[in-house]
Protein backbone atom coordinates (compact mmCIF):
# COMPACT_ATOMS: atom_id res chain seq x y z
CA MET A 1 -80.28 -29.51 17.22
CA THR A 2 -76.71 -28.22 17.29
CA VAL A 3 -74.44 -29.21 20.13
CA ARG A 4 -72.06 -26.49 20.92
CA PRO A 5 -68.63 -27.40 22.36
CA SER A 6 -67.90 -26.49 25.95
CA ALA A 7 -65.62 -23.51 26.82
CA SER A 8 -63.04 -26.11 28.06
CA SER A 9 -62.90 -28.03 24.89
CA ALA A 10 -62.98 -24.81 22.79
CA VAL A 11 -59.72 -23.47 24.46
CA ARG A 12 -57.96 -26.56 23.32
CA ARG A 13 -58.00 -25.24 19.79
CA PRO A 14 -55.14 -22.74 19.14
CA LYS A 15 -57.40 -19.97 17.76
CA CYS A 16 -59.80 -20.25 20.70
CA ARG A 17 -57.14 -20.71 23.25
CA SER A 18 -55.57 -17.34 21.89
CA LEU A 19 -58.95 -15.64 22.32
CA ALA A 20 -59.37 -16.98 25.83
CA GLU A 21 -55.90 -15.76 26.77
CA ALA A 22 -56.57 -12.39 25.24
CA LEU A 23 -59.72 -12.09 27.19
CA THR A 24 -58.06 -13.11 30.53
CA ASP A 25 -55.20 -10.87 30.07
CA THR A 26 -57.10 -7.80 28.98
CA PHE A 27 -60.30 -8.05 30.91
CA LEU A 28 -60.58 -10.74 33.61
CA THR A 29 -57.38 -10.25 35.32
CA SER A 30 -58.10 -6.42 35.61
CA VAL A 31 -61.75 -7.25 36.94
CA HIS A 32 -60.37 -9.52 39.54
CA ARG A 33 -57.69 -7.06 40.67
CA ARG A 34 -60.20 -4.20 40.95
CA VAL A 35 -62.65 -6.48 42.70
CA GLU A 36 -59.92 -7.53 45.28
CA GLU A 37 -58.98 -3.93 45.98
CA ALA A 38 -62.57 -2.78 46.41
CA VAL A 39 -63.34 -5.70 48.71
CA ARG A 40 -60.16 -5.22 50.83
CA ARG A 41 -61.02 -1.49 51.27
CA ALA A 42 -64.64 -2.15 52.26
CA ILE A 43 -63.42 -4.80 54.81
CA ASP A 44 -60.93 -2.32 56.15
CA ARG A 45 -63.56 0.35 56.53
CA GLY A 46 -65.99 -2.21 58.09
CA GLU A 47 -68.49 -1.96 55.46
CA ILE A 48 -68.61 -5.71 54.77
CA PRO A 49 -67.31 -8.77 56.78
CA PRO A 50 -64.22 -10.52 55.65
CA VAL A 51 -64.58 -12.72 52.58
CA GLU A 52 -63.28 -16.14 52.63
CA ASP A 53 -62.62 -16.46 48.73
CA ILE A 54 -61.98 -13.08 47.00
CA GLU A 55 -60.96 -14.82 43.79
CA LEU A 56 -64.48 -16.55 43.67
CA LEU A 57 -65.94 -13.08 44.33
CA GLY A 58 -64.16 -11.82 41.25
CA ASP A 59 -65.68 -14.67 39.14
CA VAL A 60 -69.22 -13.84 40.53
CA VAL A 61 -68.72 -10.21 39.59
CA ALA A 62 -67.00 -10.94 36.21
CA GLY A 63 -69.68 -13.31 34.98
CA PRO A 64 -72.60 -10.73 34.86
CA VAL A 65 -70.20 -8.21 33.54
CA MET A 66 -69.26 -10.60 30.59
CA ASN A 67 -72.91 -11.35 30.24
CA ARG A 68 -73.76 -7.64 29.85
CA PHE A 69 -71.06 -6.83 27.48
CA LEU A 70 -71.26 -9.98 25.25
CA LEU A 71 -74.75 -11.13 25.30
CA THR A 72 -77.19 -8.43 25.80
CA PRO A 73 -77.71 -5.30 23.55
CA ARG A 74 -77.95 -2.98 26.69
CA ARG A 75 -74.56 -1.28 27.49
CA PRO A 76 -73.66 -0.43 31.08
CA ASP A 77 -73.71 3.26 30.31
CA GLN A 78 -77.38 2.98 29.54
CA VAL A 79 -78.22 2.00 33.18
CA ASP A 80 -78.93 4.92 35.47
CA ALA A 81 -77.00 5.37 38.74
CA VAL A 82 -80.19 4.94 40.93
CA THR A 83 -80.98 1.55 39.22
CA ALA A 84 -77.35 0.34 39.47
CA ASN A 85 -77.09 1.09 43.15
CA ARG A 86 -80.39 -0.33 43.94
CA THR A 87 -79.50 -3.51 42.08
CA ALA A 88 -76.01 -3.75 43.69
CA ASP A 89 -77.57 -3.19 47.13
CA ARG A 90 -80.05 -6.17 46.47
CA LEU A 91 -77.28 -8.46 45.26
CA LEU A 92 -74.59 -7.77 47.73
CA PRO A 93 -75.81 -9.81 50.58
CA PHE A 94 -76.39 -12.76 48.41
CA ILE A 95 -72.94 -12.50 46.78
CA LEU A 96 -71.16 -12.14 50.14
CA ARG A 97 -72.83 -15.21 51.53
CA ALA A 98 -72.01 -17.18 48.42
CA VAL A 99 -68.23 -16.48 48.82
CA GLY A 100 -68.08 -16.97 52.52
CA GLY A 101 -68.56 -13.35 53.73
CA GLY A 102 -71.52 -14.00 55.96
CA ASN A 103 -74.38 -11.51 56.25
CA ILE A 104 -74.36 -7.65 56.21
């Protein structure tokens, strides 16, 4: 059995740290910013209740997106809009409760 190093120990190595920084700079920061903007607009419109931890919400959104791009062969553009919307509608209440947004 092979034991893989954890992500936290991997970023201590210069090459891995550079990769982690590049991923953060080019992807995660952008995702967090867009999630925060979308959440604030939805709150302002009264579509969702206020969220206690928008940064955590960004993490909750980024995780599955990274999984989709890095770990599965199915690209986001291969998912039809009806399925994507239905999935988002099912997940939204769970995600909001998880980050302190209450129920919708």
